[in-house]
Protein backbone atom coordinates (compact mmCIF):
# COMPACT_ATOMS: atom_id res chain seq x y z
CA SER A 1 7.44 5.04 -17.51
CA ASP A 2 8.27 2.56 -14.38
CA ALA A 3 12.30 1.33 -15.27
CA ASN A 4 11.27 -1.85 -13.71
CA ALA A 5 8.92 -3.26 -16.47
CA SER A 6 11.22 -5.03 -18.47
CA PHE A 7 12.11 -7.54 -16.03
CA PHE A 8 8.97 -8.06 -14.23
CA THR A 9 7.80 -8.27 -18.03
CA GLY A 10 11.47 -10.41 -18.45
CA LEU A 11 10.11 -12.73 -15.44
CA GLY A 12 6.68 -13.34 -16.68
CA LEU A 13 7.64 -15.01 -19.66
CA LEU A 14 10.87 -16.83 -17.50
CA ALA A 15 8.16 -18.30 -15.75
CA LEU A 16 6.21 -19.51 -18.83
CA TRP A 17 9.14 -20.78 -20.42
CA LEU A 18 10.91 -22.86 -17.19
CA GLY A 19 7.10 -24.00 -15.86
CA TYR A 20 5.20 -24.45 -19.53
CA ARG A 21 7.33 -24.65 -21.80
CA GLU A 22 6.09 -28.19 -22.61
CA GLU A 23 2.99 -26.86 -23.45
CA LEU A 24 3.53 -24.11 -25.56
CA SER A 25 3.59 -24.70 -28.72
CA SER A 26 6.02 -24.81 -31.55
CA GLU A 27 5.28 -21.47 -32.91
CA SER A 28 5.09 -19.65 -29.11
CA GLN A 29 8.13 -21.19 -28.41
CA ALA A 30 10.47 -20.41 -31.12
CA LEU A 31 8.57 -16.26 -30.27
CA LEU A 32 9.96 -16.55 -26.87
CA THR A 33 13.69 -17.58 -27.92
CA SER A 34 13.60 -14.69 -30.29
CA ILE A 35 12.25 -12.37 -26.87
CA PHE A 36 15.08 -13.83 -25.20
CA HIS A 37 16.85 -12.83 -27.58
CA SER A 38 16.45 -9.58 -26.61
CA LEU A 39 15.90 -9.37 -23.68
CA TYR A 40 19.62 -10.99 -22.99
CA ASP A 41 20.85 -7.78 -24.65
CA TRP A 42 19.32 -6.00 -22.51
CA PHE A 43 20.35 -6.96 -19.43
CA VAL A 44 23.20 -8.10 -19.36
CA PRO A 45 25.17 -4.82 -19.71
CA LEU A 46 22.01 -3.20 -17.35
CA ILE A 47 23.63 -5.47 -14.58
CA GLY A 48 27.07 -4.67 -15.60
CA GLU A 49 26.62 -0.74 -14.04
CA GLU A 50 26.08 -2.93 -10.72
CA HIS A 51 23.69 -0.04 -8.62
CA PHE A 52 23.33 -2.20 -5.57
CA HIS A 53 21.58 0.33 -3.90
CA CYS A 54 17.96 -1.00 -5.35
CA LEU A 55 17.70 -4.51 -3.54
CA ASN A 56 14.96 -5.85 -6.19
CA GLY A 57 15.47 -3.85 -9.37
CA TYR A 58 19.67 -5.42 -9.49
CA MET A 59 18.18 -8.33 -7.90
CA GLY A 60 15.16 -8.89 -10.89
CA GLU A 61 17.75 -7.87 -13.89
CA ALA A 62 20.37 -10.02 -12.47
CA THR A 63 17.62 -13.14 -12.36
CA CYS A 64 16.46 -12.66 -16.33
CA ALA A 65 20.23 -12.23 -16.63
CA TRP A 66 21.46 -15.92 -15.78
CA LEU A 67 18.61 -17.10 -16.43
CA LEU A 68 18.47 -16.40 -19.98
CA CYS A 69 22.30 -16.66 -19.69
CA GLU A 70 21.45 -20.72 -19.52
CA ILE A 71 17.90 -21.00 -21.49
CA LEU A 72 20.49 -19.77 -24.71
CA GLU A 73 23.55 -21.44 -23.79
CA ARG A 74 25.80 -18.35 -23.56
CA ARG A 75 28.53 -19.94 -21.52
CA GLU A 76 30.87 -17.37 -22.47
CA ASP A 77 28.98 -14.74 -20.20
CA ARG A 78 28.69 -17.02 -16.85
CA GLN A 79 31.74 -16.17 -15.01
CA LYS A 80 30.87 -12.45 -16.20
CA ILE A 81 27.42 -12.65 -14.82
CA ALA A 82 28.36 -14.46 -11.75
CA GLY A 83 30.88 -12.28 -10.54
CA HIS A 84 28.41 -9.13 -10.83
CA LEU A 85 25.71 -10.82 -8.71
CA LEU A 86 28.59 -12.07 -5.96
CA ARG A 87 29.66 -8.59 -5.75
CA ALA A 88 25.98 -7.68 -5.21
CA THR A 89 25.00 -10.59 -2.56
CA ASP A 90 28.90 -9.17 -0.58
CA ASP A 91 27.14 -5.58 -0.91
CA TRP A 92 24.20 -5.96 0.34
CA LEU A 93 24.63 -8.92 2.72
CA GLU A 94 27.62 -6.29 4.34
CA ASN A 95 26.47 -3.19 3.73
CA GLY A 96 22.71 -2.90 4.01
CA PHE A 97 20.93 -3.63 2.07
CA GLY A 98 21.71 -0.24 -0.68
CA PHE A 99 18.56 2.56 0.26
CA GLY A 100 16.68 0.00 2.87
CA GLU A 101 14.33 -2.28 0.23
CA HIS A 102 15.10 -4.53 3.32
CA LEU A 103 12.34 -3.17 5.33
CA SER A 104 9.91 -2.80 3.09
CA ASP A 105 6.81 -5.51 2.84
CA VAL A 106 6.40 -4.80 -0.90
CA TYR A 107 9.73 -4.60 -2.69
CA SER A 108 11.18 -7.20 0.04
CA ARG A 109 8.99 -9.70 -1.54
CA VAL A 110 9.76 -8.41 -5.09
CA ALA A 111 13.11 -9.45 -4.58
CA LEU A 112 11.88 -13.01 -2.07
CA GLN A 113 10.47 -13.83 -5.69
CA GLN A 114 13.27 -13.56 -7.80
CA ILE A 115 15.93 -15.34 -5.82
CA SER A 116 13.29 -18.30 -5.28
CA LEU A 117 13.04 -17.85 -9.26
CA LEU A 118 16.62 -18.48 -9.58
CA LEU A 119 18.48 -20.57 -6.38
CA LEU A 120 14.72 -23.13 -7.89
CA PHE A 121 15.45 -23.43 -11.64
CA ALA A 122 19.07 -22.38 -12.42
CA LYS A 123 21.23 -25.43 -12.94
CA LYS A 124 24.84 -23.81 -13.58
CA LEU A 125 25.16 -21.53 -9.79
CA PRO A 126 28.18 -21.81 -8.88
CA ALA A 127 28.92 -23.17 -5.62
CA HIS A 128 29.43 -20.32 -3.80
CA LEU A 129 27.36 -17.88 -5.58
CA LYS A 130 24.41 -20.27 -4.71
CA ALA A 131 25.38 -20.01 -0.94
CA ARG A 132 25.53 -16.00 -1.06
CA LEU A 133 22.54 -16.15 -2.51
CA GLU A 134 21.02 -18.45 -0.63
CA LYS A 135 21.77 -16.03 3.10
CA VAL A 136 20.36 -13.25 1.20
CA PHE A 137 17.63 -14.68 0.96
CA HIS A 138 17.14 -16.40 4.02
CA THR A 139 18.19 -13.64 5.78
CA LEU A 140 14.93 -11.04 3.91
CA LEU A 141 12.82 -14.14 5.46
CA LYS A 142 13.57 -14.07 8.51
CA ILE A 143 13.11 -10.03 8.77
CA ASN A 144 9.83 -10.45 7.11
CA ASP A 145 9.95 -13.78 9.98
CA GLY A 146 10.43 -11.19 12.19
CA PHE A 147 7.23 -9.17 11.80
CA ASP A 148 5.20 -12.02 11.45
CA GLY A 149 3.92 -11.88 8.64
CA LYS A 150 2.31 -7.86 9.60
CA PRO A 151 3.32 -4.75 8.52
CA TYR A 152 7.11 -3.61 9.56
CA VAL A 153 7.36 -0.61 11.61
CA PRO A 154 10.30 1.40 10.61
CA THR A 155 9.02 1.12 6.74
CA ILE A 156 11.24 1.76 3.65
CA ARG A 157 9.44 2.21 0.29
CA CYS A 158 5.77 2.08 1.82
CA TYR A 159 2.35 3.39 0.18
CA ASP A 160 0.39 3.53 2.45
CA PHE A 161 -0.80 6.66 3.57
CA LEU A 162 -3.61 7.52 4.45
CA GLU A 163 -5.29 3.48 5.31
CA SER A 164 -2.98 1.12 7.93
CA PRO A 165 -0.73 -1.20 6.23
CA SER A 166 -1.95 -4.90 5.60
CA LYS A 167 0.88 -6.78 4.14
CA GLY A 168 0.78 -10.76 4.83
CA LYS A 169 3.25 -13.16 5.18
CA ASN A 170 5.96 -14.27 3.06
CA ARG A 171 5.25 -18.20 3.23
CA ARG A 172 1.69 -17.85 3.54
CA PHE A 173 1.66 -16.35 0.35
CA ILE A 174 4.11 -19.31 -2.35
CA SER A 175 0.63 -21.44 -2.25
CA GLN A 176 -0.82 -23.78 -4.88
CA THR A 177 -2.58 -21.11 -6.62
CA TYR A 178 -2.57 -17.40 -6.66
CA ARG A 179 -6.07 -17.57 -4.98
CA ASP A 180 -5.04 -19.73 -2.25
CA ALA A 181 -2.62 -17.26 -1.32
CA VAL A 182 -4.61 -14.28 -1.72
CA HIS A 183 -8.28 -14.78 -1.47
CA PRO A 184 -9.15 -18.40 -1.56
CA ALA A 185 -12.76 -17.84 -1.22
CA ASP A 186 -12.61 -14.51 -3.18
CA GLU A 187 -12.92 -13.37 -6.81
CA ILE A 188 -8.62 -12.01 -7.19
CA LEU A 189 -8.90 -8.16 -7.59
CA GLU A 190 -6.51 -6.71 -10.19
CA GLU A 191 -4.70 -4.55 -8.13
CA GLU A 192 -3.76 -6.52 -6.24
CA ILE A 193 -1.33 -8.57 -8.82
CA GLY A 194 0.59 -5.53 -9.76
CA ASN A 195 3.49 -5.54 -11.51
CA ASN A 196 5.18 -8.28 -9.88
CA PRO A 197 3.89 -11.54 -12.58
CA PRO A 198 2.44 -13.59 -9.78
CA LEU A 199 5.12 -16.72 -9.68
CA GLU A 200 3.60 -18.11 -6.10
CA GLY A 201 1.88 -21.92 -8.07
CA LEU A 202 4.77 -22.29 -9.56
CA LEU A 203 7.09 -21.41 -6.59
CA PHE A 204 5.43 -23.97 -4.77
CA LYS A 205 5.38 -26.81 -7.58
CA ALA A 206 9.30 -26.20 -7.92
CA GLY A 207 9.35 -27.09 -3.79
CA TRP A 208 9.89 -23.34 -2.26
CA HIS A 209 8.59 -24.42 1.19
CA ASP A 210 11.68 -26.89 0.82
CA LEU A 211 14.33 -24.35 -0.16
CA ALA A 212 13.03 -21.76 3.00
CA PRO A 213 14.75 -22.31 6.29
CA ALA A 214 12.15 -22.99 9.19
CA LYS A 215 11.08 -19.76 11.25
CA ASP A 216 12.67 -18.26 14.72
CA ALA A 217 10.82 -18.34 17.53
CA HIS A 218 9.33 -15.10 17.85
CA LYS A 219 11.08 -12.27 19.88
CA GLU A 220 9.86 -8.45 21.31
CA ASP A 221 12.71 -6.73 20.11
CA ILE A 222 14.87 -6.85 17.33
CA VAL A 223 17.85 -5.22 15.27
CA ILE A 224 18.08 -5.07 11.60
CA PRO A 225 21.36 -3.52 10.58
CA CYS A 226 20.49 -1.03 7.64
CA ARG A 227 23.13 0.75 5.86
CA GLY A 228 26.46 2.38 7.04
CA GLY A 229 26.28 1.56 10.24
CA ASN A 230 22.61 2.71 11.13
CA GLN A 231 19.98 -0.38 12.24
CA ALA A 232 16.44 -0.28 12.65
CA SER A 233 15.52 -0.27 16.20
CA VAL A 234 11.81 -2.65 16.79
CA TYR A 235 9.72 -3.81 19.71
CA LEU A 236 6.46 -6.42 18.36
CA ALA A 237 4.67 -7.01 21.08
CA LYS A 238 1.53 -9.15 20.54
CA ASP A 239 -0.93 -6.05 20.39
CA PHE A 240 1.34 -2.80 19.46
CA ARG A 241 4.65 -2.84 17.54
CA LEU A 242 7.16 0.27 17.49
CA GLY A 243 9.83 0.78 15.31
CA SER A 244 12.65 3.57 14.42
CA LEU A 245 15.57 3.99 11.93
CA SER A 246 19.15 5.41 13.78
CA ARG A 247 19.07 8.01 10.92
CA PHE A 248 17.17 9.06 7.99
CA PRO A 249 16.89 9.24 5.08
CA VAL A 250 19.82 5.97 5.56
CA ALA A 251 20.66 7.26 1.67
CA PRO A 252 20.37 10.78 1.54
CA GLU A 253 22.54 10.71 -2.29
CA VAL A 254 19.28 9.18 -4.24
CA GLU A 255 16.82 11.62 -3.06
CA PHE A 256 16.09 14.10 -6.56
CA ARG A 257 12.92 16.09 -7.42
CA GLU A 258 10.97 13.67 -7.92
CA TRP A 259 11.47 10.48 -6.92
CA GLY A 260 13.62 9.61 -3.45
CA MET A 261 13.69 7.61 0.14
CA SER A 262 11.41 10.19 1.95
CA TRP A 263 8.10 10.24 0.33
CA GLN A 264 7.20 6.77 0.72
CA SER A 265 9.55 6.04 3.86
CA PHE A 266 8.44 5.95 7.69
CA PRO A 267 11.70 6.31 10.39
CA VAL A 268 9.51 6.22 13.35
CA ALA A 269 6.20 4.32 13.40
CA PHE A 270 3.74 2.34 15.33
CA TRP A 271 0.78 -0.39 14.71
CA ARG A 272 -1.96 -1.71 16.25
CA PRO A 273 -4.03 -4.79 15.02
CA ALA A 274 -7.49 -3.45 14.83
CA GLY A 275 -5.37 -0.24 12.53
CA ASP A 276 -4.16 1.63 14.39
CA TRP A 277 -1.57 3.25 12.65
CA GLY A 278 0.88 6.27 13.19
CA TYR A 279 3.65 7.60 12.29
CA LEU A 280 6.44 11.06 12.18
CA GLN A 281 5.85 13.38 8.73
CA TRP A 282 6.61 17.30 7.90
CA GLU A 283 4.72 19.33 5.90
CA PHE A 284 5.63 21.94 4.21
CA GLU A 285 2.27 24.80 2.99
CA GLU A 286 3.21 27.22 0.32
CA GLU A 287 1.04 29.66 -1.51
CA ALA A 288 0.82 27.02 -4.78
CA GLY A 289 -0.02 24.22 -1.72
CA ALA A 290 1.25 21.75 0.29
CA SER A 291 3.92 18.63 -0.25
CA CYS A 292 4.18 16.39 2.89
CA TYR A 293 6.86 13.36 2.86
CA PRO A 294 5.90 10.71 4.02
CA SER A 295 3.67 11.95 0.96
CA GLU A 296 -0.36 11.93 1.01
CA GLY A 297 -0.79 9.52 -1.35
CA PRO A 298 -0.51 8.74 -4.83
CA SER A 299 -1.91 11.76 -6.83
CA SER A 300 -1.59 13.56 -10.22
CA ASN A 301 -1.01 16.84 -8.57
CA ALA A 302 3.23 16.29 -8.57
CA ARG A 303 3.55 18.45 -5.33
CA LYS A 304 1.39 15.37 -4.10
CA ARG A 305 3.82 12.48 -5.10
CA GLY A 306 7.38 11.82 -5.57
CA ASN A 307 9.95 14.78 -3.39
CA PRO A 308 8.80 17.82 -2.47
CA LEU A 309 9.73 21.14 -3.33
CA THR A 310 10.90 20.37 -6.93
CA ARG A 311 12.18 23.59 -7.51
CA VAL A 312 15.23 22.87 -5.01
CA MET A 313 18.36 20.52 -6.26
CA PRO A 314 18.99 18.98 -3.85
CA PRO A 315 15.55 18.72 -2.19
CA ILE A 316 14.75 20.03 1.16
CA LEU A 317 15.13 16.57 3.70
CA GLY A 318 14.31 16.64 7.15
CA LYS A 319 16.14 14.53 9.46
CA THR A 320 15.57 12.52 11.89
CA PHE A 321 17.62 10.23 14.58
CA SER A 322 16.91 7.87 16.95
CA ILE A 323 17.58 5.67 20.05
CA GLN A 324 15.03 3.37 21.38
CA ARG A 325 15.28 0.82 24.27
CA SER A 326 12.27 -2.30 23.50
CA GLY A 327 9.49 -0.41 23.45
CA ASP A 328 10.29 3.71 24.45
CA LEU A 329 11.58 5.38 22.35
CA LEU A 330 13.40 8.73 21.49
CA ALA A 331 13.67 10.88 18.72
CA LEU A 332 15.31 14.28 17.83
CA ARG A 333 13.53 16.17 14.39
CA ILE A 334 16.15 18.04 12.03
CA LEU A 335 15.50 20.67 9.42
CA SER A 336 18.41 22.39 8.60
CA MET A 337 17.31 24.16 6.19
CA VAL A 338 14.80 26.71 5.26
CA ASP A 339 12.68 27.82 1.86
CA THR A 340 11.83 31.16 2.30
CA ARG A 341 8.64 30.73 0.08
CA TRP A 342 7.28 28.30 1.85
CA LEU A 343 4.13 29.76 4.68
CA LYS A 344 3.98 27.38 7.37
CA VAL A 345 6.26 24.01 8.39
CA LYS A 346 4.81 21.24 10.16
CA ASP A 347 5.99 18.44 12.31
CA ARG A 348 3.08 15.69 13.54
CA LEU A 349 2.55 12.89 14.60
CA ARG A 350 0.44 11.67 11.75
CA LEU A 351 -2.68 8.96 13.16
CA VAL A 352 -4.67 6.51 10.87
CA ASP A 353 -8.15 4.96 11.78
CA SER A 354 -7.56 5.69 15.40
CA HIS A 355 -8.79 3.87 18.12
CA ALA A 356 -7.50 5.59 21.23
CA ASP A 357 -9.05 7.59 23.41
CA LEU A 358 -6.93 10.71 23.17
CA THR A 359 -5.87 13.14 25.85
CA GLU A 360 -3.87 15.45 25.10
CA ARG A 361 -1.04 17.41 28.64
CA LYS A 362 0.46 20.43 28.27
CA PHE A 363 3.42 20.82 30.77
CA GLU A 364 5.98 24.15 30.77
CA LYS A 365 9.37 24.09 29.59
CA GLY A 366 7.84 22.97 26.04
CA TRP A 367 6.43 19.83 27.06
CA SER A 368 3.18 18.62 25.99
CA GLN A 369 2.24 15.02 26.24
CA LEU A 370 -0.14 12.71 24.20
CA LEU A 371 -1.86 10.15 25.41
CA LEU A 372 -3.49 7.23 23.45
CA ARG A 373 -5.16 4.79 25.47
CA TYR A 374 -6.24 1.08 23.83
CA PRO A 375 -7.66 -1.70 26.05
CA GLU A 376 -4.91 -3.81 25.89
CA ARG A 377 -2.12 -0.38 27.25
CA CYS A 378 -1.59 3.37 27.57
CA VAL A 379 0.89 4.57 25.15
CA SER A 380 1.84 7.98 25.27
CA VAL A 381 3.60 10.92 22.73
CA HIS A 382 5.59 13.19 23.70
CA HIS A 383 7.03 16.80 22.09
CA VAL A 384 9.22 19.00 23.47
CA ASN A 385 10.68 22.41 21.81
CA LEU A 386 14.24 23.15 21.04
CA MET A 387 13.20 25.64 19.19
CA LEU A 388 12.08 29.88 21.48
CA ALA A 389 9.11 30.78 22.26
CA GLY A 390 7.91 26.97 19.85
CA PRO A 391 4.40 25.96 19.76
CA PRO A 392 2.98 23.49 21.08
CA PRO A 393 1.25 20.74 19.45
CA SER A 394 -2.39 20.89 19.45
CA LEU A 395 -5.07 17.85 17.68
CA VAL A 396 -5.76 18.16 14.23
CA ALA A 397 -8.92 16.12 12.57
CA LYS A 398 -8.19 15.71 9.08
CA PRO A 399 -10.97 13.65 6.60
CA SER A 400 -10.37 9.91 5.98
CA GLN A 401 -10.50 9.26 9.69
CA VAL A 402 -7.23 11.09 10.39
CA MET A 403 -5.53 12.66 13.03
CA ASP A 404 -2.49 14.73 13.51
CA TRP A 405 -0.81 16.10 16.23
CA GLU A 406 1.24 18.85 14.63
CA CYS A 407 2.85 21.57 15.64
CA SER A 408 2.59 24.82 12.89
CA TRP A 409 5.72 27.30 13.09
CA PRO A 410 4.76 30.11 10.44
CA VAL A 411 8.14 30.62 8.75
CA GLU A 412 9.11 33.92 10.08
CA LYS A 413 9.65 32.92 12.90
CA LEU A 414 12.27 30.22 11.98
CA HIS A 415 15.91 31.03 11.12
CA ARG A 416 17.52 28.40 9.12
CA THR A 417 16.64 25.53 11.62
CA LEU A 418 13.89 23.63 12.79
CA LEU A 419 14.25 21.04 15.23
CA SER A 420 11.85 19.59 17.66
CA ILE A 421 12.67 16.18 20.27
CA TRP A 422 9.49 13.29 19.50
CA ALA A 423 9.42 10.50 22.35
CA ILE A 424 7.09 7.39 22.10
CA SER A 425 6.55 4.86 25.62
CA ALA A 426 4.28 1.50 24.66
CA HIS A 427 4.09 1.55 28.64
CA GLY A 428 2.63 4.27 29.83
CA VAL A 429 2.30 7.94 30.95
CA ILE A 430 4.87 9.67 31.72
CA ASP A 431 4.67 12.09 34.94
CA SER A 432 8.66 12.92 35.10
CA PRO A 433 9.41 16.37 32.69
CA PRO A 434 12.65 16.16 30.93
CA ARG A 435 15.40 18.43 31.89
CA LEU A 436 17.93 20.36 29.25
CA GLU A 437 20.77 21.86 30.31
CA ALA A 438 22.48 24.06 27.63
CA VAL A 439 25.94 22.93 27.32
CA ARG A 440 28.74 25.71 25.65
CA PRO A 441 29.82 24.81 22.12
CA HIS A 442 33.74 23.64 21.50
CA SER A 443 34.21 24.84 18.42
CA ALA A 444 33.84 28.32 17.54
CA THR A 445 31.20 27.71 14.70
CA THR A 446 27.76 30.76 14.62
CA ARG A 447 24.97 29.39 16.51
CA PHE A 448 21.30 30.85 16.62
CA PRO A 449 20.32 30.25 19.91
CA GLU A 450 18.55 26.68 19.24
CA GLU A 451 21.32 25.37 17.44
CA TYR A 452 23.79 24.99 20.83
CA PRO A 453 24.26 21.77 22.84
CA SER A 454 22.41 20.57 25.15
CA VAL A 455 22.01 17.50 27.76
CA LEU A 456 18.68 15.95 27.33
CA GLU A 457 18.32 13.96 31.35
CA TRP A 458 14.42 12.33 30.92
CA ASP A 459 13.47 9.92 34.18
CA TRP A 460 10.63 6.74 32.23
CA GLY A 461 10.79 4.45 34.95
CA SER A 462 11.24 1.95 32.23
CA THR A 463 14.04 3.83 30.81
CA ARG A 464 15.99 6.43 31.66
CA TRP A 465 17.09 9.04 29.44
CA LYS A 466 20.75 10.73 29.46
CA LEU A 467 21.93 12.17 25.52
CA ARG A 468 24.19 15.08 23.80
CA ILE A 469 21.80 16.95 21.89
CA ASP A 470 24.21 18.97 18.70
CA PRO A 471 22.52 19.67 16.19
CA LEU A 472 25.81 21.21 14.10
CA SER A 473 27.46 17.21 14.72
CA VAL A 474 27.82 14.76 12.22
CA THR A 475 26.07 12.68 15.51
CA PRO A 476 23.07 15.29 16.39
CA LEU A 477 21.86 12.49 19.46
CA GLU A 478 23.47 10.37 21.15
CA ILE A 479 23.78 9.00 24.24
CA VAL A 480 26.20 9.77 27.29
CA ARG A 481 28.14 6.94 28.44
């Protein structure tokens, strides 16, 4: 029941026609032409809905619509389809790619292949539309180049919940054959192809590497614009990468009962080439079981996939607000509603395939520090409890090479909000404590003690923080100028 099945199928059939038509019998060509008429009648009304929020979905449908328009010589529809595509490219470039698939190493690759097929095989694209499509193509490829073809941090729409991400470079995937792209000497596995048709060889023969711009020089710090003025901040050292989203969810309106971004996104994450994968995760525990986001992986159990709390609409979702300065970041985590059916709420750092030597340090006034010692560097992770008499985090070993550093709150101890600060420094141990000073709010809004505004000052040496925290503000985490 994949809503994208139509364009995954259509793109494969179009590639067969565009690249290998002469090798098909007249009967096969006639059959394909008949199928194309049906596909065209499906895709043209569909792209008229202009659901630009899903980059790979809309780009796949629009690519099929335009190429079918040319093959079937439906000249009367060109202007209409071009208008939809032009508005889509403008929306993506000006508003940060919908709900954020430019930060997905899975779906940005799908979108790049779709745009590549359109640019390389369309003959009638208006010049201004072609220029905008090329800019989208260059932007997505530049992001992938910036990550050097290695895992995206942070990432939206990623399924590496219990294993280290290991996606490849988009430039390398465009090879003469699919075997060259994935396994030069090994057998190709069916799951490596997935839903997306293997277009790499066709794009290679059509001149993809001439279409692609030269790769930029590596940068250690990059910023990627996202929807609504938000951004992804990324620190990319050779041995360690750390990234965060300034606000998550980026698009709360696409969070539904059994689907959305929160279950498949990692707004604060880090990765090492040795395979270490770390990210922040919520868990809600009920008598019927527990549900997490990011998820704990694909499962037939509805609680283990899609957004948790399917009985609640809209779903209750924790929010993450981050400020990052190179290899130092600080994040405010807010759960602004609590379901009384829950037994416990957990907020944690999840470590997958960790090679670090771990050391816990507990301090006064709710500050805890976890040191991750690697051969190349020491990374420090911090938790500052903003709840009265809240529990400190503790290490909990899980199956499958997973270690959690988590805080667990019984729901009866919560009023309506759960608040905490997480911080990560790629530059080692932090010895100076955070200083929190409560600030009397300017409004008469009724607040529980943990909801009062405060100013946080914290000197890390590499970074000096002075931040205003106000859980009930539309901007809960702000730099004090």
